[in-house]
Amino acid sequence: MIMRLLIIDDHDLVRDALQARLEAIPGYEVVGSVSDGEQALAILDKAKPDVAIIDFRMPRMNGAECAKRIKERLPSCQVLFLTGFPDDEALLDSVGIASGYVTKSATWSMLVQALEAIASGKAFVDPNLVPAIMTRAAAADQHQLALREIDPDRVLTPTEGRVSLLAAEGLSNQGIAARLSMSENTVKAHLQRVFRKLGIHSREELAARVRS
């Protein structure tokens, strides 16, 4: 059975290398190779990929948003994230969106192993990502405790919760935007909703809830 692949990466060399190597392997067909999420969505209905190989950090639309929109349009399509940053906070926050996670330093055989795992309905995580994911899981418990102090009535969305925690830690809008791979305007909009929902007016009030 042929696996239909859609490659989404803003680096021409990476896209070309992926396409050349994967098309040389029996059982794989590259049905699309594009540089960003908007282009991927434009050809999605025609390409009908079985797996989308997505660079996590891209301009215009980050990998997480791209994956979510692809899954909404084509639920049968599995997602494999590629990343050059094993400790990427936004990537770690996205665990669960994709079926596979592979670093760009991985071998070709590991990439094929990931695709085969996905094809058989299994998840795959590059061993280089495991330490960061485990550390993240441990930190998540502390974050959940802090989030319960900030939002005891659970009125915030998951993204609003992450933004509020980072704001309470003292990060600027620019720092939060970089950490979560979103624009500063998006951060401001999230914080405005957080303040309105929680009935507070400043970051200091957010931080005070965690310290109390």
Protein backbone atom coordinates (compact mmCIF):
# COMPACT_ATOMS: atom_id res chain seq x y z
CA MET A 1 0.00 0.00 0.00
CA ILE A 2 1.34 3.43 -0.95
CA MET A 3 1.67 6.06 1.82
CA ARG A 4 0.84 9.52 0.49
CA LEU A 5 3.03 12.21 2.06
CA LEU A 6 2.68 15.99 2.26
CA ILE A 7 5.91 17.84 3.18
CA ILE A 8 5.57 21.27 4.81
CA ASP A 9 8.83 23.10 5.56
CA ASP A 10 9.97 26.65 4.86
CA HIS A 11 13.49 25.54 3.96
CA ASP A 12 13.89 24.54 0.30
CA LEU A 13 16.89 22.30 0.97
CA VAL A 14 15.04 20.35 3.66
CA ARG A 15 11.95 19.88 1.49
CA ASP A 16 13.98 18.80 -1.53
CA ALA A 17 16.08 16.37 0.51
CA LEU A 18 13.02 14.83 2.16
CA GLN A 19 11.22 14.43 -1.15
CA ALA A 20 14.22 12.91 -2.93
CA ARG A 21 14.98 10.40 -0.17
CA LEU A 22 11.38 9.38 0.53
CA GLU A 23 10.41 8.97 -3.12
CA ALA A 24 13.39 6.64 -3.55
CA ILE A 25 11.84 4.26 -0.99
CA PRO A 26 9.18 1.86 -2.30
CA GLY A 27 5.80 2.47 -0.70
CA TYR A 28 6.05 6.25 -0.37
CA GLU A 29 4.61 8.93 -2.65
CA VAL A 30 5.12 12.66 -2.07
CA VAL A 31 1.82 14.24 -3.14
CA GLY A 32 2.81 17.78 -2.16
CA SER A 33 5.82 19.82 -1.03
CA VAL A 34 5.09 23.35 0.21
CA SER A 35 6.76 26.05 2.27
CA ASP A 36 4.00 27.02 4.72
CA GLY A 37 0.68 26.07 6.24
CA GLU A 38 -1.44 28.27 3.99
CA GLN A 39 -0.06 26.54 0.91
CA ALA A 40 -0.65 23.16 2.52
CA LEU A 41 -4.29 23.93 3.22
CA ALA A 42 -4.73 25.19 -0.35
CA ILE A 43 -3.77 21.81 -1.83
CA LEU A 44 -5.06 19.56 0.95
CA ASP A 45 -8.32 18.48 -0.68
CA LYS A 46 -6.58 17.57 -3.92
CA ALA A 47 -3.48 15.96 -2.38
CA LYS A 48 -5.34 13.91 0.27
CA PRO A 49 -2.16 12.91 2.17
CA ASP A 50 -2.05 10.02 4.60
CA VAL A 51 0.71 11.77 6.58
CA ALA A 52 1.74 15.43 6.78
CA ILE A 53 5.41 15.96 7.67
CA ILE A 54 5.44 19.41 9.25
CA ASP A 55 8.32 21.65 10.30
CA PHE A 56 7.19 22.90 13.71
CA ARG A 57 8.61 26.41 13.39
CA MET A 58 7.46 28.19 10.23
CA PRO A 59 6.49 31.75 9.32
CA ARG A 60 2.85 32.78 8.80
CA MET A 61 1.44 29.71 10.56
CA ASN A 62 3.30 27.60 13.12
CA GLY A 63 3.34 23.82 12.99
CA ALA A 64 0.79 23.32 15.76
CA GLU A 65 -1.79 25.56 14.10
CA CYS A 66 -1.09 23.98 10.71
CA ALA A 67 -1.58 20.49 12.17
CA LYS A 68 -4.84 21.43 13.87
CA ARG A 69 -6.28 22.90 10.69
CA ILE A 70 -5.21 19.93 8.61
CA LYS A 71 -6.83 17.53 11.11
CA GLU A 72 -10.03 19.57 11.05
CA ARG A 73 -10.20 19.38 7.26
CA LEU A 74 -8.84 15.83 6.87
CA PRO A 75 -9.17 13.85 10.12
CA SER A 76 -7.65 10.71 8.57
CA CYS A 77 -4.35 12.52 7.93
CA GLN A 78 -1.66 11.74 10.52
CA VAL A 79 0.92 14.35 11.52
CA LEU A 80 4.67 13.98 11.98
CA PHE A 81 6.42 17.03 13.44
CA LEU A 82 10.02 17.85 12.54
CA THR A 83 11.97 20.14 14.83
CA GLY A 84 15.47 21.53 15.03
CA PHE A 85 14.96 22.47 18.68
CA PRO A 86 14.54 19.48 21.05
CA ASP A 87 13.73 21.74 24.01
CA ASP A 88 11.26 23.95 22.12
CA GLU A 89 8.65 24.98 24.72
CA ALA A 90 5.89 25.38 22.14
CA LEU A 91 6.64 21.95 20.67
CA LEU A 92 6.48 20.36 24.12
CA ASP A 93 3.16 22.11 24.72
CA SER A 94 1.87 20.53 21.51
CA VAL A 95 2.46 16.92 22.53
CA GLY A 96 -0.70 15.03 21.64
CA ILE A 97 -1.47 16.95 18.45
CA ALA A 98 0.76 14.78 16.27
CA SER A 99 1.36 11.06 15.97
CA GLY A 100 5.11 11.45 15.67
CA TYR A 101 7.92 13.79 16.73
CA VAL A 102 11.36 13.66 15.11
CA THR A 103 14.34 16.01 15.40
CA LYS A 104 16.07 17.24 12.26
CA SER A 105 19.26 15.60 13.50
CA ALA A 106 17.61 12.16 13.25
CA THR A 107 18.85 9.55 10.78
CA TRP A 108 16.89 8.72 7.65
CA SER A 109 16.21 5.28 9.07
CA MET A 110 14.62 6.86 12.15
CA LEU A 111 12.36 9.00 9.97
CA VAL A 112 11.23 5.89 8.09
CA GLN A 113 10.74 4.10 11.42
CA ALA A 114 8.52 6.98 12.56
CA LEU A 115 6.46 6.83 9.36
CA GLU A 116 6.04 3.06 9.68
CA ALA A 117 4.92 3.43 13.30
CA ILE A 118 2.38 6.07 12.33
CA ALA A 119 1.10 3.90 9.47
CA SER A 120 0.45 1.07 11.93
CA GLY A 121 -1.49 3.33 14.28
CA LYS A 122 1.29 3.81 16.83
CA ALA A 123 2.94 6.96 18.15
CA PHE A 124 6.64 7.69 17.71
CA VAL A 125 8.93 10.01 19.66
CA ASP A 126 12.55 10.63 18.75
CA PRO A 127 14.70 9.48 21.73
CA ASN A 128 16.41 12.90 21.65
CA LEU A 129 13.09 14.47 22.65
CA VAL A 130 12.33 12.12 25.55
CA PRO A 131 14.38 13.91 28.27
CA ALA A 132 12.74 17.25 27.50
CA ILE A 133 9.28 15.66 27.44
CA MET A 134 9.88 13.94 30.80
CA THR A 135 11.15 17.17 32.34
CA ARG A 136 8.14 18.96 30.90
CA ALA A 137 5.79 16.36 32.38
CA ALA A 138 7.28 16.91 35.84
CA ALA A 139 6.99 20.66 35.47
CA ALA A 140 3.41 20.29 34.30
CA ASP A 141 2.36 19.15 37.77
CA GLN A 142 3.72 22.35 39.27
CA HIS A 143 2.10 24.39 36.52
CA GLN A 144 -1.26 22.75 37.22
CA LEU A 145 -0.97 23.71 40.89
CA ALA A 146 -0.15 27.30 39.95
CA LEU A 147 -2.97 27.38 37.40
CA ARG A 148 -5.47 26.23 40.02
CA GLU A 149 -4.40 29.20 42.17
CA ILE A 150 -4.80 31.61 39.25
CA ASP A 151 -7.99 30.06 37.87
CA PRO A 152 -9.78 28.09 40.63
CA ASP A 153 -13.09 28.17 38.74
CA ARG A 154 -11.45 26.91 35.50
CA VAL A 155 -12.85 29.65 33.28
CA LEU A 156 -9.70 29.97 31.15
CA THR A 157 -8.96 28.07 27.95
CA PRO A 158 -5.73 25.98 27.88
CA THR A 159 -3.95 28.67 25.86
CA GLU A 160 -5.16 31.44 28.17
CA GLY A 161 -3.90 29.38 31.08
CA ARG A 162 -0.42 29.04 29.56
CA VAL A 163 -0.29 32.76 28.77
CA SER A 164 -1.42 33.69 32.28
CA LEU A 165 1.20 31.44 33.91
CA LEU A 166 4.00 32.94 31.84
CA ALA A 167 2.76 36.46 32.57
CA ALA A 168 2.66 35.64 36.29
CA GLU A 169 6.26 34.42 36.03
CA GLY A 170 7.23 37.88 34.79
CA LEU A 171 7.69 37.27 31.06
CA SER A 172 7.00 40.19 28.75
CA ASN A 173 4.52 39.96 25.89
CA GLN A 174 7.50 39.48 23.57
CA GLY A 175 8.87 36.69 25.75
CA ILE A 176 5.50 34.93 25.92
CA ALA A 177 5.09 35.26 22.14
CA ALA A 178 8.49 33.67 21.55
CA ARG A 179 7.85 30.88 24.07
CA LEU A 180 4.44 29.95 22.63
CA SER A 181 5.15 30.69 18.94
CA MET A 182 2.47 33.35 18.57
CA SER A 183 2.42 37.07 17.79
CA GLU A 184 2.60 39.76 20.47
CA ASN A 185 -0.86 40.96 19.42
CA THR A 186 -2.23 37.48 20.07
CA VAL A 187 -0.61 37.49 23.51
CA LYS A 188 -2.21 40.86 24.28
CA ALA A 189 -5.62 39.58 23.18
CA HIS A 190 -5.28 36.49 25.39
CA LEU A 191 -4.25 38.59 28.38
CA GLN A 192 -7.19 40.93 27.90
CA ARG A 193 -9.54 37.94 28.00
CA VAL A 194 -7.71 36.52 31.04
CA PHE A 195 -8.07 39.79 32.94
CA ARG A 196 -11.74 40.07 32.01
CA LYS A 197 -12.59 36.48 32.97
CA LEU A 198 -10.70 36.63 36.26
CA GLY A 199 -11.84 40.13 37.15
CA ILE A 200 -8.30 41.49 37.56
CA HIS A 201 -6.45 44.39 35.97
CA SER A 202 -2.72 43.69 36.00
CA ARG A 203 0.06 41.13 35.81
CA GLU A 204 0.86 41.90 39.44
CA GLU A 205 -2.56 40.59 40.45
CA LEU A 206 -1.88 37.42 38.46
CA ALA A 207 1.45 36.93 40.22
CA ALA A 208 -0.13 37.63 43.61
CA ARG A 209 -2.59 34.77 43.07
CA VAL A 210 0.30 32.35 42.60
CA ARG A 211 2.17 33.66 45.66
CA SER A 212 -0.88 33.67 47.91
